[in-house]
Amino acid sequence: MIYRLDNNNIWFPDPALADEDGLLAIGGDLSAERLLLAYSHGIFPWFSDETPILWYSPHERFVLFPDKLKISSSMKQLIRSKRFRITFDQNFEEVINACAAIHRPGQPGTWITGNMRRAYIDLHRKGFAHSIEVWQNDHLVGGLYGVTVNQVFCGESMFSKVSNASKLALVTLCNNLDFKMIDCQMHTPHLESLGAEYISREAYLGILKGEID
């Protein structure tokens, strides 16, 4: 059963009631209050301009534990080279706009709609959404952004304009910030090569709520 939300009541059904594809609810809005409630219960929005707001809570979550991060020899060499400058929360809007604009093979457009950008920029201004920027010669060449909940970083998107820039942002996120878990949302070979793995929704929520270390 897919639950229909409205703008007047901010709530979500039990995430365990999501269908086999993880779809839990439809409708509602992208207010900061609703987004924070969603993330605190392991729910996130994913939709396009052609659909209403869709809310997901997958039965399995693809996550990366910082202490299990795999860094290749070539990546270690790149880090030591100091070719890139890394910043935190210096240009959130440019990062989210770059993530929306980047071409992704097999995808006809972007799910980071104008409404999504405005909603997450608002979350950033309120201190709940964050970005990591990768610079080369003062040009933004890579980065990522996401939402933080209880020492969990819920990654939303990343981009690279030069090779390994987004990977460097993720390595920085794991090595320099105090997160218990990075929620990658979507499986990719790139993330799997870094050590990301599937865990159950129950384990995910246990970590998110501080019930599991």
N, C-alpha and C. Protein backbone atom coordinates (compact mmCIF):
# COMPACT_ATOMS: atom_id res chain seq x y z
N MET A 1 0.84 -1.20 0.00
CA MET A 1 0.00 0.00 0.00
C MET A 1 0.88 1.25 0.00
N ILE A 2 0.60 2.16 -0.92
CA ILE A 2 1.32 3.43 -0.99
C ILE A 2 0.47 4.50 -0.30
N TYR A 3 1.04 5.17 0.67
CA TYR A 3 0.30 6.16 1.44
C TYR A 3 0.35 7.53 0.76
N ARG A 4 -0.75 8.23 0.82
CA ARG A 4 -0.82 9.58 0.24
C ARG A 4 -0.72 10.61 1.35
N LEU A 5 0.23 11.54 1.18
CA LEU A 5 0.45 12.60 2.16
C LEU A 5 -0.19 13.90 1.69
N ASP A 6 -0.46 14.79 2.61
CA ASP A 6 -0.93 16.12 2.24
C ASP A 6 -0.04 17.16 2.90
N ASN A 7 -0.27 18.42 2.59
CA ASN A 7 0.59 19.49 3.09
C ASN A 7 0.23 19.94 4.50
N ASN A 8 -0.90 19.49 5.02
CA ASN A 8 -1.37 20.00 6.31
C ASN A 8 -0.86 19.21 7.50
N ASN A 9 -0.57 17.93 7.29
CA ASN A 9 -0.09 17.08 8.38
C ASN A 9 1.27 16.51 8.00
N ILE A 10 2.25 16.75 8.84
CA ILE A 10 3.60 16.27 8.55
C ILE A 10 3.82 14.97 9.31
N TRP A 11 3.78 13.86 8.60
CA TRP A 11 3.92 12.53 9.18
C TRP A 11 4.36 11.56 8.09
N PHE A 12 4.80 10.38 8.52
CA PHE A 12 5.11 9.30 7.59
C PHE A 12 4.66 7.98 8.19
N PRO A 13 4.22 7.06 7.34
CA PRO A 13 3.90 5.73 7.85
C PRO A 13 5.18 4.97 8.22
N ASP A 14 5.00 3.84 8.88
CA ASP A 14 6.13 2.99 9.26
C ASP A 14 6.93 2.61 8.01
N PRO A 15 8.25 2.86 7.98
CA PRO A 15 9.05 2.53 6.80
C PRO A 15 8.94 1.07 6.39
N ALA A 16 8.64 0.16 7.32
CA ALA A 16 8.51 -1.26 7.00
C ALA A 16 7.34 -1.54 6.07
N LEU A 17 6.45 -0.56 5.89
CA LEU A 17 5.29 -0.73 5.03
C LEU A 17 5.58 -0.38 3.57
N ALA A 18 6.80 -0.02 3.24
CA ALA A 18 7.16 0.31 1.86
C ALA A 18 6.97 -0.91 0.96
N ASP A 19 6.68 -0.67 -0.32
CA ASP A 19 6.52 -1.79 -1.25
C ASP A 19 7.88 -2.40 -1.58
N GLU A 20 7.90 -3.41 -2.44
CA GLU A 20 9.14 -4.14 -2.70
C GLU A 20 10.20 -3.28 -3.36
N ASP A 21 9.81 -2.20 -4.02
CA ASP A 21 10.78 -1.27 -4.60
C ASP A 21 11.20 -0.17 -3.63
N GLY A 22 10.65 -0.18 -2.44
CA GLY A 22 10.99 0.82 -1.44
C GLY A 22 10.07 2.02 -1.40
N LEU A 23 9.13 2.11 -2.34
CA LEU A 23 8.22 3.26 -2.36
C LEU A 23 7.25 3.17 -1.18
N LEU A 24 7.21 4.24 -0.39
CA LEU A 24 6.40 4.25 0.83
C LEU A 24 5.22 5.19 0.75
N ALA A 25 5.43 6.39 0.20
CA ALA A 25 4.39 7.41 0.23
C ALA A 25 4.52 8.34 -0.97
N ILE A 26 3.46 9.07 -1.21
CA ILE A 26 3.41 10.00 -2.34
C ILE A 26 2.77 11.30 -1.87
N GLY A 27 3.29 12.43 -2.39
CA GLY A 27 2.67 13.71 -2.07
C GLY A 27 3.38 14.46 -0.96
N GLY A 28 2.66 15.36 -0.33
CA GLY A 28 3.26 16.20 0.71
C GLY A 28 4.07 17.33 0.11
N ASP A 29 5.04 17.81 0.88
CA ASP A 29 5.85 18.93 0.41
C ASP A 29 7.31 18.67 0.77
N LEU A 30 8.17 19.64 0.46
CA LEU A 30 9.59 19.53 0.74
C LEU A 30 10.01 20.54 1.81
N SER A 31 9.15 20.78 2.76
CA SER A 31 9.50 21.69 3.85
C SER A 31 10.64 21.10 4.66
N ALA A 32 11.39 21.96 5.32
CA ALA A 32 12.51 21.49 6.15
C ALA A 32 12.01 20.54 7.23
N GLU A 33 10.88 20.84 7.83
CA GLU A 33 10.34 20.00 8.89
C GLU A 33 10.04 18.59 8.38
N ARG A 34 9.42 18.50 7.18
CA ARG A 34 9.08 17.18 6.64
C ARG A 34 10.34 16.43 6.21
N LEU A 35 11.29 17.12 5.58
CA LEU A 35 12.52 16.46 5.15
C LEU A 35 13.29 15.90 6.34
N LEU A 36 13.40 16.67 7.41
CA LEU A 36 14.14 16.21 8.58
C LEU A 36 13.43 15.03 9.25
N LEU A 37 12.11 15.05 9.27
CA LEU A 37 11.36 13.91 9.81
C LEU A 37 11.62 12.67 8.95
N ALA A 38 11.62 12.87 7.64
CA ALA A 38 11.86 11.75 6.73
C ALA A 38 13.23 11.13 6.97
N TYR A 39 14.27 11.95 6.93
CA TYR A 39 15.63 11.41 7.08
C TYR A 39 15.83 10.75 8.44
N SER A 40 15.21 11.27 9.48
CA SER A 40 15.37 10.68 10.81
C SER A 40 14.69 9.31 10.91
N HIS A 41 13.87 8.96 9.91
CA HIS A 41 13.22 7.65 9.88
C HIS A 41 13.68 6.82 8.66
N GLY A 42 14.80 7.21 8.07
CA GLY A 42 15.34 6.43 6.97
C GLY A 42 14.55 6.54 5.68
N ILE A 43 13.91 7.68 5.47
CA ILE A 43 13.08 7.92 4.28
C ILE A 43 13.68 9.08 3.50
N PHE A 44 13.64 9.01 2.18
CA PHE A 44 14.16 10.12 1.38
C PHE A 44 13.28 10.32 0.13
N PRO A 45 13.24 11.56 -0.40
CA PRO A 45 12.46 11.83 -1.62
C PRO A 45 13.28 11.55 -2.87
N TRP A 46 12.60 11.03 -3.88
CA TRP A 46 13.26 10.78 -5.16
C TRP A 46 12.18 10.79 -6.24
N PHE A 47 12.21 11.79 -7.10
CA PHE A 47 11.15 11.95 -8.08
C PHE A 47 11.66 12.85 -9.21
N SER A 48 10.81 13.14 -10.17
CA SER A 48 11.18 14.02 -11.28
C SER A 48 10.12 15.10 -11.44
N ASP A 49 10.37 16.01 -12.39
CA ASP A 49 9.40 17.08 -12.64
C ASP A 49 8.08 16.53 -13.13
N GLU A 50 8.10 15.31 -13.70
CA GLU A 50 6.88 14.74 -14.29
C GLU A 50 6.04 13.96 -13.28
N THR A 51 6.52 13.82 -12.06
CA THR A 51 5.80 13.03 -11.06
C THR A 51 5.56 13.86 -9.81
N PRO A 52 4.61 13.43 -8.98
CA PRO A 52 4.49 14.05 -7.65
C PRO A 52 5.69 13.65 -6.80
N ILE A 53 5.79 14.18 -5.59
CA ILE A 53 6.89 13.82 -4.69
C ILE A 53 6.72 12.36 -4.27
N LEU A 54 7.77 11.58 -4.44
CA LEU A 54 7.76 10.16 -4.07
C LEU A 54 8.75 9.96 -2.93
N TRP A 55 8.34 9.21 -1.92
CA TRP A 55 9.16 8.99 -0.72
C TRP A 55 9.52 7.51 -0.62
N TYR A 56 10.81 7.24 -0.42
CA TYR A 56 11.31 5.87 -0.45
C TYR A 56 11.96 5.47 0.88
N SER A 57 11.82 4.18 1.18
CA SER A 57 12.56 3.56 2.29
C SER A 57 12.90 2.14 1.84
N PRO A 58 14.01 1.95 1.13
CA PRO A 58 14.34 0.64 0.58
C PRO A 58 14.55 -0.42 1.66
N HIS A 59 14.26 -1.67 1.30
CA HIS A 59 14.41 -2.77 2.25
C HIS A 59 15.89 -3.03 2.55
N GLU A 60 16.76 -2.76 1.59
CA GLU A 60 18.19 -2.83 1.81
C GLU A 60 18.79 -1.46 1.55
N ARG A 61 19.79 -1.09 2.33
CA ARG A 61 20.44 0.21 2.17
C ARG A 61 21.89 0.00 1.78
N PHE A 62 22.34 0.79 0.81
CA PHE A 62 23.72 0.71 0.35
C PHE A 62 24.51 1.78 1.08
N VAL A 63 25.42 1.36 1.96
CA VAL A 63 26.09 2.30 2.86
C VAL A 63 27.59 2.07 2.87
N LEU A 64 28.29 3.06 3.37
CA LEU A 64 29.74 2.97 3.51
C LEU A 64 30.10 3.32 4.95
N PHE A 65 30.78 2.39 5.62
CA PHE A 65 31.28 2.65 6.97
C PHE A 65 32.69 3.22 6.85
N PRO A 66 32.93 4.41 7.41
CA PRO A 66 34.24 5.05 7.24
C PRO A 66 35.43 4.16 7.60
N ASP A 67 35.27 3.29 8.62
CA ASP A 67 36.40 2.45 9.00
C ASP A 67 36.63 1.28 8.05
N LYS A 68 35.72 1.11 7.08
CA LYS A 68 35.88 0.07 6.07
C LYS A 68 36.25 0.66 4.69
N LEU A 69 36.53 1.94 4.67
CA LEU A 69 36.88 2.61 3.41
C LEU A 69 38.12 1.98 2.77
N LYS A 70 38.03 1.72 1.49
CA LYS A 70 39.16 1.17 0.75
C LYS A 70 39.76 2.27 -0.12
N ILE A 71 41.01 2.60 0.12
CA ILE A 71 41.68 3.64 -0.65
C ILE A 71 42.78 2.99 -1.48
N SER A 72 42.69 3.12 -2.78
CA SER A 72 43.67 2.52 -3.67
C SER A 72 45.01 3.23 -3.57
N SER A 73 46.06 2.58 -4.05
CA SER A 73 47.39 3.20 -4.04
C SER A 73 47.41 4.47 -4.87
N SER A 74 46.68 4.44 -6.01
CA SER A 74 46.65 5.63 -6.87
C SER A 74 45.94 6.79 -6.18
N MET A 75 44.88 6.48 -5.39
CA MET A 75 44.18 7.53 -4.66
C MET A 75 45.06 8.09 -3.55
N LYS A 76 45.80 7.24 -2.85
CA LYS A 76 46.72 7.71 -1.82
C LYS A 76 47.77 8.64 -2.43
N GLN A 77 48.22 8.28 -3.61
CA GLN A 77 49.21 9.12 -4.29
C GLN A 77 48.61 10.45 -4.67
N LEU A 78 47.34 10.43 -5.13
CA LEU A 78 46.66 11.67 -5.50
C LEU A 78 46.49 12.58 -4.28
N ILE A 79 46.14 12.01 -3.13
CA ILE A 79 45.99 12.79 -1.91
C ILE A 79 47.31 13.45 -1.52
N ARG A 80 48.39 12.70 -1.63
CA ARG A 80 49.70 13.23 -1.26
C ARG A 80 50.18 14.30 -2.23
N SER A 81 49.68 14.27 -3.46
CA SER A 81 50.15 15.20 -4.49
C SER A 81 49.73 16.65 -4.23
N LYS A 82 48.65 16.83 -3.43
CA LYS A 82 48.14 18.18 -3.13
C LYS A 82 47.69 18.92 -4.39
N ARG A 83 47.27 18.17 -5.41
CA ARG A 83 46.80 18.80 -6.65
C ARG A 83 45.48 19.52 -6.44
N PHE A 84 44.71 19.08 -5.46
CA PHE A 84 43.39 19.63 -5.23
C PHE A 84 43.30 20.28 -3.85
N ARG A 85 42.44 21.26 -3.75
CA ARG A 85 42.13 21.89 -2.46
C ARG A 85 40.71 21.47 -2.07
N ILE A 86 40.55 21.07 -0.81
CA ILE A 86 39.26 20.58 -0.33
C ILE A 86 38.69 21.57 0.67
N THR A 87 37.39 21.89 0.52
CA THR A 87 36.71 22.76 1.49
C THR A 87 35.40 22.11 1.92
N PHE A 88 34.86 22.62 3.01
CA PHE A 88 33.62 22.09 3.58
C PHE A 88 32.62 23.24 3.74
N ASP A 89 31.46 23.10 3.11
CA ASP A 89 30.38 24.09 3.21
C ASP A 89 30.78 25.48 2.71
N GLN A 90 31.68 25.55 1.75
CA GLN A 90 32.09 26.85 1.21
C GLN A 90 31.21 27.31 0.06
N ASN A 91 30.60 26.37 -0.67
CA ASN A 91 29.76 26.77 -1.80
C ASN A 91 28.72 25.69 -2.08
N PHE A 92 27.80 25.54 -1.13
CA PHE A 92 26.78 24.50 -1.23
C PHE A 92 25.95 24.66 -2.51
N GLU A 93 25.53 25.87 -2.81
CA GLU A 93 24.65 26.08 -3.96
C GLU A 93 25.32 25.69 -5.26
N GLU A 94 26.61 26.01 -5.41
CA GLU A 94 27.30 25.64 -6.64
C GLU A 94 27.43 24.12 -6.74
N VAL A 95 27.64 23.45 -5.62
CA VAL A 95 27.74 21.99 -5.63
C VAL A 95 26.43 21.36 -6.06
N ILE A 96 25.32 21.77 -5.47
CA ILE A 96 24.04 21.14 -5.81
C ILE A 96 23.65 21.46 -7.26
N ASN A 97 23.97 22.67 -7.72
CA ASN A 97 23.68 23.00 -9.12
C ASN A 97 24.53 22.17 -10.07
N ALA A 98 25.79 21.93 -9.71
CA ALA A 98 26.66 21.11 -10.54
C ALA A 98 26.19 19.67 -10.56
N CYS A 99 25.72 19.16 -9.43
CA CYS A 99 25.18 17.80 -9.38
C CYS A 99 23.95 17.67 -10.27
N ALA A 100 23.12 18.70 -10.31
CA ALA A 100 21.92 18.67 -11.14
C ALA A 100 22.26 18.74 -12.62
N ALA A 101 23.34 19.44 -12.95
CA ALA A 101 23.67 19.69 -14.36
C ALA A 101 24.52 18.60 -14.99
N ILE A 102 25.22 17.81 -14.18
CA ILE A 102 26.17 16.85 -14.72
C ILE A 102 25.44 15.76 -15.51
N HIS A 103 26.00 15.38 -16.65
CA HIS A 103 25.39 14.30 -17.46
C HIS A 103 25.71 12.95 -16.84
N ARG A 104 24.67 12.11 -16.70
CA ARG A 104 24.85 10.77 -16.15
C ARG A 104 24.39 9.76 -17.19
N PRO A 105 25.28 8.89 -17.65
CA PRO A 105 24.92 7.91 -18.67
C PRO A 105 23.71 7.07 -18.27
N GLY A 106 22.76 6.93 -19.20
CA GLY A 106 21.57 6.14 -18.94
C GLY A 106 20.44 6.90 -18.29
N GLN A 107 20.68 8.17 -17.93
CA GLN A 107 19.63 8.98 -17.33
C GLN A 107 19.26 10.13 -18.26
N PRO A 108 17.98 10.25 -18.64
CA PRO A 108 17.58 11.29 -19.57
C PRO A 108 17.61 12.70 -19.01
N GLY A 109 17.54 12.81 -17.70
CA GLY A 109 17.53 14.14 -17.06
C GLY A 109 18.01 14.03 -15.64
N THR A 110 17.57 14.96 -14.80
CA THR A 110 17.99 14.95 -13.41
C THR A 110 16.80 14.84 -12.48
N TRP A 111 17.00 14.16 -11.34
CA TRP A 111 15.96 14.13 -10.32
C TRP A 111 16.12 15.30 -9.35
N ILE A 112 17.22 16.06 -9.51
CA ILE A 112 17.44 17.22 -8.64
C ILE A 112 16.72 18.41 -9.27
N THR A 113 15.42 18.47 -9.07
CA THR A 113 14.58 19.49 -9.68
C THR A 113 14.83 20.85 -9.03
N GLY A 114 14.24 21.87 -9.60
CA GLY A 114 14.36 23.20 -9.02
C GLY A 114 13.82 23.25 -7.60
N ASN A 115 12.68 22.58 -7.37
CA ASN A 115 12.11 22.54 -6.02
C ASN A 115 13.04 21.81 -5.05
N MET A 116 13.68 20.74 -5.53
CA MET A 116 14.62 20.01 -4.68
C MET A 116 15.81 20.91 -4.32
N ARG A 117 16.34 21.61 -5.31
CA ARG A 117 17.49 22.49 -5.03
C ARG A 117 17.12 23.53 -3.98
N ARG A 118 15.97 24.16 -4.14
CA ARG A 118 15.56 25.19 -3.18
C ARG A 118 15.37 24.59 -1.78
N ALA A 119 14.80 23.40 -1.71
CA ALA A 119 14.55 22.77 -0.41
C ALA A 119 15.86 22.44 0.31
N TYR A 120 16.85 21.91 -0.43
CA TYR A 120 18.10 21.51 0.22
C TYR A 120 18.99 22.72 0.52
N ILE A 121 18.88 23.77 -0.29
CA ILE A 121 19.58 25.01 0.04
C ILE A 121 19.02 25.58 1.35
N ASP A 122 17.71 25.47 1.53
CA ASP A 122 17.09 25.91 2.78
C ASP A 122 17.59 25.06 3.95
N LEU A 123 17.69 23.74 3.75
CA LEU A 123 18.22 22.87 4.79
C LEU A 123 19.67 23.24 5.13
N HIS A 124 20.43 23.59 4.10
CA HIS A 124 21.82 24.00 4.32
C HIS A 124 21.88 25.27 5.17
N ARG A 125 21.05 26.24 4.84
CA ARG A 125 21.04 27.48 5.59
C ARG A 125 20.63 27.28 7.04
N LYS A 126 19.85 26.21 7.29
CA LYS A 126 19.42 25.89 8.65
C LYS A 126 20.43 25.00 9.37
N GLY A 127 21.50 24.59 8.66
CA GLY A 127 22.57 23.83 9.29
C GLY A 127 22.44 22.32 9.22
N PHE A 128 21.53 21.80 8.37
CA PHE A 128 21.31 20.36 8.31
C PHE A 128 21.84 19.70 7.04
N ALA A 129 22.09 20.46 6.00
CA ALA A 129 22.64 19.92 4.76
C ALA A 129 24.03 20.51 4.55
N HIS A 130 24.95 19.68 4.05
CA HIS A 130 26.35 20.08 3.97
C HIS A 130 26.96 19.65 2.64
N SER A 131 28.05 20.30 2.30
CA SER A 131 28.74 19.98 1.04
C SER A 131 30.24 19.89 1.27
N ILE A 132 30.88 19.13 0.43
CA ILE A 132 32.33 19.11 0.33
C ILE A 132 32.69 19.53 -1.08
N GLU A 133 33.61 20.48 -1.20
CA GLU A 133 34.01 21.02 -2.50
C GLU A 133 35.45 20.62 -2.82
N VAL A 134 35.70 20.27 -4.07
CA VAL A 134 37.04 19.94 -4.55
C VAL A 134 37.42 20.98 -5.60
N TRP A 135 38.53 21.67 -5.35
CA TRP A 135 38.95 22.77 -6.21
C TRP A 135 40.28 22.44 -6.89
N GLN A 136 40.40 22.90 -8.12
CA GLN A 136 41.67 22.82 -8.84
C GLN A 136 41.90 24.15 -9.53
N ASN A 137 42.98 24.82 -9.16
CA ASN A 137 43.27 26.15 -9.72
C ASN A 137 42.08 27.09 -9.55
N ASP A 138 41.49 27.05 -8.36
CA ASP A 138 40.35 27.91 -7.99
C ASP A 138 39.08 27.63 -8.78
N HIS A 139 39.01 26.50 -9.45
CA HIS A 139 37.79 26.08 -10.16
C HIS A 139 37.18 24.90 -9.42
N LEU A 140 35.87 24.92 -9.22
CA LEU A 140 35.18 23.81 -8.57
C LEU A 140 35.09 22.65 -9.56
N VAL A 141 35.77 21.56 -9.27
CA VAL A 141 35.85 20.44 -10.22
C VAL A 141 35.19 19.17 -9.68
N GLY A 142 34.70 19.20 -8.45
CA GLY A 142 34.03 18.03 -7.91
C GLY A 142 33.47 18.33 -6.54
N GLY A 143 32.61 17.43 -6.08
CA GLY A 143 32.05 17.62 -4.75
C GLY A 143 30.87 16.72 -4.50
N LEU A 144 30.29 16.87 -3.33
CA LEU A 144 29.12 16.10 -2.95
C LEU A 144 28.32 16.89 -1.92
N TYR A 145 27.07 16.49 -1.72
CA TYR A 145 26.26 17.13 -0.68
C TYR A 145 25.31 16.09 -0.08
N GLY A 146 24.83 16.37 1.11
CA GLY A 146 23.90 15.47 1.77
C GLY A 146 23.37 16.07 3.04
N VAL A 147 22.62 15.26 3.78
CA VAL A 147 21.95 15.69 5.01
C VAL A 147 22.52 14.89 6.18
N THR A 148 22.78 15.56 7.30
CA THR A 148 23.31 14.88 8.47
C THR A 148 22.21 14.64 9.50
N VAL A 149 22.16 13.38 9.99
CA VAL A 149 21.20 12.99 11.02
C VAL A 149 21.91 12.05 11.99
N ASN A 150 22.08 12.47 13.24
CA ASN A 150 22.61 11.58 14.28
C ASN A 150 23.90 10.89 13.87
N GLN A 151 24.88 11.62 13.42
CA GLN A 151 26.19 11.11 13.01
C GLN A 151 26.12 10.19 11.79
N VAL A 152 25.05 10.30 11.04
CA VAL A 152 24.93 9.61 9.74
C VAL A 152 24.87 10.67 8.67
N PHE A 153 25.68 10.51 7.62
CA PHE A 153 25.64 11.43 6.49
C PHE A 153 24.82 10.77 5.39
N CYS A 154 23.67 11.34 5.09
CA CYS A 154 22.78 10.81 4.05
C CYS A 154 23.16 11.48 2.74
N GLY A 155 24.01 10.82 1.97
CA GLY A 155 24.49 11.40 0.73
C GLY A 155 23.40 11.53 -0.30
N GLU A 156 23.34 12.67 -0.95
CA GLU A 156 22.33 12.91 -1.96
C GLU A 156 22.89 12.80 -3.38
N SER A 157 24.01 13.43 -3.64
CA SER A 157 24.57 13.37 -4.99
C SER A 157 26.02 13.84 -4.96
N MET A 158 26.76 13.48 -6.01
CA MET A 158 28.13 13.94 -6.16
C MET A 158 28.40 14.19 -7.64
N PHE A 159 29.47 14.90 -7.92
CA PHE A 159 29.81 15.16 -9.32
C PHE A 159 31.32 15.28 -9.46
N SER A 160 31.79 15.05 -10.68
CA SER A 160 33.20 15.22 -11.03
C SER A 160 33.29 15.87 -12.39
N LYS A 161 34.14 16.86 -12.49
CA LYS A 161 34.48 17.44 -13.79
C LYS A 161 35.86 17.01 -14.24
N VAL A 162 36.64 16.47 -13.31
CA VAL A 162 37.94 15.87 -13.64
C VAL A 162 38.02 14.53 -12.93
N SER A 163 38.85 13.66 -13.41
CA SER A 163 38.95 12.30 -12.88
C SER A 163 39.25 12.29 -11.38
N ASN A 164 38.49 11.46 -10.66
CA ASN A 164 38.70 11.18 -9.23
C ASN A 164 38.29 12.31 -8.29
N ALA A 165 37.71 13.41 -8.80
CA ALA A 165 37.36 14.52 -7.91
C ALA A 165 36.26 14.15 -6.92
N SER A 166 35.21 13.47 -7.37
CA SER A 166 34.14 13.10 -6.44
C SER A 166 34.63 12.02 -5.47
N LYS A 167 35.48 11.11 -5.95
CA LYS A 167 36.03 10.09 -5.07
C LYS A 167 36.87 10.74 -3.96
N LEU A 168 37.61 11.77 -4.31
CA LEU A 168 38.41 12.48 -3.32
C LEU A 168 37.51 13.16 -2.28
N ALA A 169 36.37 13.69 -2.73
CA ALA A 169 35.42 14.30 -1.79
C ALA A 169 34.88 13.26 -0.82
N LEU A 170 34.58 12.06 -1.32
CA LEU A 170 34.06 11.01 -0.45
C LEU A 170 35.11 10.51 0.53
N VAL A 171 36.33 10.35 0.08
CA VAL A 171 37.42 9.95 0.96
C VAL A 171 37.60 10.99 2.07
N THR A 172 37.53 12.26 1.71
CA THR A 172 37.65 13.33 2.70
C THR A 172 36.51 13.26 3.71
N LEU A 173 35.31 13.00 3.23
CA LEU A 173 34.15 12.87 4.11
C LEU A 173 34.37 11.76 5.14
N CYS A 174 34.91 10.63 4.69
CA CYS A 174 35.12 9.49 5.58
C CYS A 174 36.26 9.73 6.56
N ASN A 175 37.31 10.37 6.11
CA ASN A 175 38.54 10.47 6.91
C ASN A 175 38.60 11.67 7.84
N ASN A 176 37.80 12.69 7.56
CA ASN A 176 37.99 13.94 8.30
C ASN A 176 36.76 14.41 9.08
N LEU A 177 35.65 13.70 8.95
CA LEU A 177 34.45 14.10 9.67
C LEU A 177 33.93 12.90 10.47
N ASP A 178 33.29 13.18 11.58
CA ASP A 178 32.95 12.14 12.55
C ASP A 178 31.58 11.53 12.26
N PHE A 179 31.51 10.71 11.22
CA PHE A 179 30.26 10.03 10.89
C PHE A 179 30.39 8.53 11.13
N LYS A 180 29.32 7.93 11.65
CA LYS A 180 29.32 6.48 11.86
C LYS A 180 29.04 5.74 10.56
N MET A 181 28.32 6.41 9.64
CA MET A 181 27.89 5.73 8.43
C MET A 181 27.58 6.76 7.35
N ILE A 182 27.92 6.42 6.10
CA ILE A 182 27.55 7.23 4.95
C ILE A 182 26.47 6.48 4.19
N ASP A 183 25.30 7.07 4.06
CA ASP A 183 24.21 6.47 3.28
C ASP A 183 24.42 6.84 1.82
N CYS A 184 24.72 5.85 0.99
CA CYS A 184 25.00 6.11 -0.43
C CYS A 184 23.74 6.08 -1.28
N GLN A 185 22.63 5.60 -0.74
CA GLN A 185 21.33 5.49 -1.42
C GLN A 185 21.37 4.53 -2.60
N MET A 186 22.13 4.85 -3.64
CA MET A 186 22.12 4.05 -4.87
C MET A 186 23.42 3.28 -5.03
N HIS A 187 23.31 2.01 -5.43
CA HIS A 187 24.50 1.21 -5.70
C HIS A 187 25.18 1.65 -6.98
N THR A 188 26.49 1.81 -6.94
CA THR A 188 27.29 1.99 -8.15
C THR A 188 28.59 1.19 -7.97
N PRO A 189 29.18 0.70 -9.06
CA PRO A 189 30.48 0.01 -8.95
C PRO A 189 31.54 0.91 -8.33
N HIS A 190 31.46 2.21 -8.62
CA HIS A 190 32.41 3.19 -8.07
C HIS A 190 32.38 3.17 -6.55
N LEU A 191 31.17 3.19 -5.96
CA LEU A 191 31.04 3.19 -4.51
C LEU A 191 31.39 1.83 -3.92
N GLU A 192 31.03 0.77 -4.62
CA GLU A 192 31.37 -0.56 -4.14
C GLU A 192 32.88 -0.75 -4.07
N SER A 193 33.60 -0.18 -5.03
CA SER A 193 35.06 -0.31 -5.04
C SER A 193 35.69 0.38 -3.83
N LEU A 194 34.97 1.33 -3.25
CA LEU A 194 35.46 2.05 -2.07
C LEU A 194 35.09 1.34 -0.76
N GLY A 195 34.31 0.26 -0.87
CA GLY A 195 33.95 -0.49 0.32
C GLY A 195 32.49 -0.41 0.72
N ALA A 196 31.65 0.25 -0.05
CA ALA A 196 30.23 0.35 0.28
C ALA A 196 29.58 -1.03 0.20
N GLU A 197 28.57 -1.25 1.02
CA GLU A 197 27.93 -2.56 1.11
C GLU A 197 26.45 -2.40 1.43
N TYR A 198 25.69 -3.48 1.22
CA TYR A 198 24.28 -3.48 1.57
C TYR A 198 24.08 -3.91 3.01
N ILE A 199 23.17 -3.25 3.71
CA ILE A 199 22.72 -3.70 5.01
C ILE A 199 21.19 -3.65 5.01
N SER A 200 20.56 -4.32 5.96
CA SER A 200 19.10 -4.33 6.03
C SER A 200 18.57 -2.98 6.50
N ARG A 201 17.32 -2.72 6.20
CA ARG A 201 16.69 -1.50 6.70
C ARG A 201 16.72 -1.48 8.22
N GLU A 202 16.51 -2.64 8.85
CA GLU A 202 16.49 -2.70 10.31
C GLU A 202 17.84 -2.29 10.89
N ALA A 203 18.93 -2.80 10.29
CA ALA A 203 20.26 -2.43 10.76
C ALA A 203 20.51 -0.94 10.53
N TYR A 204 20.09 -0.44 9.37
CA TYR A 204 20.25 0.98 9.04
C TYR A 204 19.56 1.85 10.09
N LEU A 205 18.31 1.52 10.40
CA LEU A 205 17.56 2.33 11.35
C LEU A 205 18.15 2.21 12.76
N GLY A 206 18.68 1.04 13.09
CA GLY A 206 19.32 0.88 14.38
C GLY A 206 20.51 1.80 14.55
N ILE A 207 21.33 1.92 13.49
CA ILE A 207 22.48 2.83 13.52
C ILE A 207 22.01 4.28 13.53
N LEU A 208 21.03 4.58 12.71
CA LEU A 208 20.51 5.95 12.61
C LEU A 208 19.97 6.45 13.95
N LYS A 209 19.33 5.56 14.68
CA LYS A 209 18.70 5.95 15.95
C LYS A 209 19.64 5.74 17.15
N GLY A 210 20.87 5.31 16.87
CA GLY A 210 21.82 5.13 17.95
C GLY A 210 21.64 3.86 18.76
N GLU A 211 20.83 2.93 18.25
CA GLU A 211 20.59 1.68 18.96
C GLU A 211 21.67 0.65 18.67
N ILE A 212 22.40 0.84 17.54
CA ILE A 212 23.49 -0.05 17.15
C ILE A 212 24.72 0.81 16.92
N ASP A 213 25.83 0.42 17.48
CA ASP A 213 27.09 1.18 17.29
C ASP A 213 27.66 0.92 15.91
